[in-house]
Every structure is written in C-alpha cells, then in structure tokens.
Amino acid sequence: MKANVGGVDRVLRILVGLVLLVLAASGTVGWWGWLGVVPLVTGLLRFCPLYSLLGLRTCPLELRK
C-alpha cells in the first residue's frame, strides 16, 4: 500500500472519525456514528482504498514510497 492521504486531508479524517465515534458512544447520534472508524483508520494508515480506485492522491511525492 502506497500512501495516498496526506497533510490536511489526514488531520481532517482523524478529527472527523474521532468526533463521530465520541458522538456515537455518547448516544448523541445513531448507529451511523460508528462509521467514524473508516475515516479514522484511513487517516492513521495514510491510505484510502477509494482514492486508489479513483486515482486520487493528496500525499506529497516523497511520502508515496
């Protein structure tokens, strides 16, 4: 897996994922809040399978190795 998620994209994914998980755990949102796992994991791993399918990259060239 080559990194395809970088910088601001990574930070936003992690923050959105954490917020959704906290809201789901507190009962503020429904079951769909647990989907926050997806952006959290893709942000932590710096790899998004959907980006690969679409040929997108937000990662600088030196981190793609």
C-alpha atoms as a PDB file:
ATOM      1  CA  MET A   1       0.000   0.000   0.000  1.00  0.00           C
ATOM      2  CA  LYS A   2       1.410   3.324  -1.022  1.00  0.00           C
ATOM      3  CA  ALA A   3       0.395   6.387   0.976  1.00  0.00           C
ATOM      4  CA  ASN A   4      -2.218   8.441  -0.838  1.00  0.00           C
ATOM      5  CA  VAL A   5      -3.603  10.554   2.037  1.00  0.00           C
ATOM      6  CA  GLY A   6      -1.514  13.470   3.195  1.00  0.00           C
ATOM      7  CA  GLY A   7      -1.383  16.593   5.323  1.00  0.00           C
ATOM      8  CA  VAL A   8      -4.639  18.412   5.887  1.00  0.00           C
ATOM      9  CA  ASP A   9      -6.671  15.514   4.498  1.00  0.00           C
ATOM     10  CA  ARG A  10      -5.152  13.180   7.094  1.00  0.00           C
ATOM     11  CA  VAL A  11      -5.797  15.526  10.025  1.00  0.00           C
ATOM     12  CA  LEU A  12      -9.403  16.128   8.955  1.00  0.00           C
ATOM     13  CA  ARG A  13     -10.064  12.400   8.583  1.00  0.00           C
ATOM     14  CA  ILE A  14      -8.717  11.678  12.057  1.00  0.00           C
ATOM     15  CA  LEU A  15     -10.675  14.529  13.660  1.00  0.00           C
ATOM     16  CA  VAL A  16     -13.946  13.666  11.910  1.00  0.00           C
ATOM     17  CA  GLY A  17     -13.518   9.999  12.789  1.00  0.00           C
ATOM     18  CA  LEU A  18     -12.886  10.748  16.460  1.00  0.00           C
ATOM     19  CA  VAL A  19     -15.810  13.168  16.692  1.00  0.00           C
ATOM     20  CA  LEU A  20     -18.190  10.661  15.116  1.00  0.00           C
ATOM     21  CA  LEU A  21     -17.028   7.887  17.426  1.00  0.00           C
ATOM     22  CA  VAL A  22     -17.419  10.057  20.530  1.00  0.00           C
ATOM     23  CA  LEU A  23     -20.887  11.147  19.436  1.00  0.00           C
ATOM     24  CA  ALA A  24     -21.889   7.543  18.760  1.00  0.00           C
ATOM     25  CA  ALA A  25     -20.514   6.339  22.097  1.00  0.00           C
ATOM     26  CA  SER A  26     -22.367   9.078  23.979  1.00  0.00           C
ATOM     27  CA  GLY A  27     -25.632   8.273  22.199  1.00  0.00           C
ATOM     28  CA  THR A  28     -25.888  11.697  20.575  1.00  0.00           C
ATOM     29  CA  VAL A  29     -26.072  10.209  17.087  1.00  0.00           C
ATOM     30  CA  GLY A  30     -27.371   6.857  15.932  1.00  0.00           C
ATOM     31  CA  TRP A  31     -25.546   3.738  14.822  1.00  0.00           C
ATOM     32  CA  TRP A  32     -24.148   5.506  11.770  1.00  0.00           C
ATOM     33  CA  GLY A  33     -21.740   7.413  14.031  1.00  0.00           C
ATOM     34  CA  TRP A  34     -19.729   4.210  14.328  1.00  0.00           C
ATOM     35  CA  LEU A  35     -18.833   4.681  10.671  1.00  0.00           C
ATOM     36  CA  GLY A  36     -16.311   7.179  12.032  1.00  0.00           C
ATOM     37  CA  VAL A  37     -13.982   4.187  12.204  1.00  0.00           C
ATOM     38  CA  VAL A  38     -13.489   4.437   8.436  1.00  0.00           C
ATOM     39  CA  PRO A  39     -12.050   7.973   8.246  1.00  0.00           C
ATOM     40  CA  LEU A  40     -10.078   7.369  11.448  1.00  0.00           C
ATOM     41  CA  VAL A  41      -8.375   4.249  10.089  1.00  0.00           C
ATOM     42  CA  THR A  42      -7.714   5.726   6.648  1.00  0.00           C
ATOM     43  CA  GLY A  43      -6.204   8.804   8.282  1.00  0.00           C
ATOM     44  CA  LEU A  44      -3.980   6.768  10.590  1.00  0.00           C
ATOM     45  CA  LEU A  45      -2.826   4.417   7.819  1.00  0.00           C
ATOM     46  CA  ARG A  46      -2.429   7.249   5.269  1.00  0.00           C
ATOM     47  CA  PHE A  47      -4.141   5.016   2.712  1.00  0.00           C
ATOM     48  CA  CYS A  48      -7.650   5.265   1.267  1.00  0.00           C
ATOM     49  CA  PRO A  49      -8.832   2.427  -0.993  1.00  0.00           C
ATOM     50  CA  LEU A  50     -11.391   4.704  -2.658  1.00  0.00           C
ATOM     51  CA  TYR A  51      -8.647   7.186  -3.573  1.00  0.00           C
ATOM     52  CA  SER A  52      -6.743   4.308  -5.204  1.00  0.00           C
ATOM     53  CA  LEU A  53      -9.766   3.316  -7.287  1.00  0.00           C
ATOM     54  CA  LEU A  54     -10.322   6.906  -8.395  1.00  0.00           C
ATOM     55  CA  GLY A  55      -6.616   7.662  -8.939  1.00  0.00           C
ATOM     56  CA  LEU A  56      -6.586  10.487  -6.384  1.00  0.00           C
ATOM     57  CA  ARG A  57      -3.700  11.467  -4.109  1.00  0.00           C
ATOM     58  CA  THR A  58      -3.315  14.224  -1.533  1.00  0.00           C
ATOM     59  CA  CYS A  59       0.063  12.955  -0.368  1.00  0.00           C
ATOM     60  CA  PRO A  60       3.348  14.659  -1.351  1.00  0.00           C
ATOM     61  CA  LEU A  61       5.593  12.672  -3.703  1.00  0.00           C
ATOM     62  CA  GLU A  62       8.270  11.816  -1.102  1.00  0.00           C
ATOM     63  CA  LEU A  63       5.732  10.032   1.141  1.00  0.00           C
ATOM     64  CA  ARG A  64       4.311   7.827  -1.618  1.00  0.00           C
ATOM     65  CA  LYS A  65       7.196   5.328  -1.499  1.00  0.00           C
END
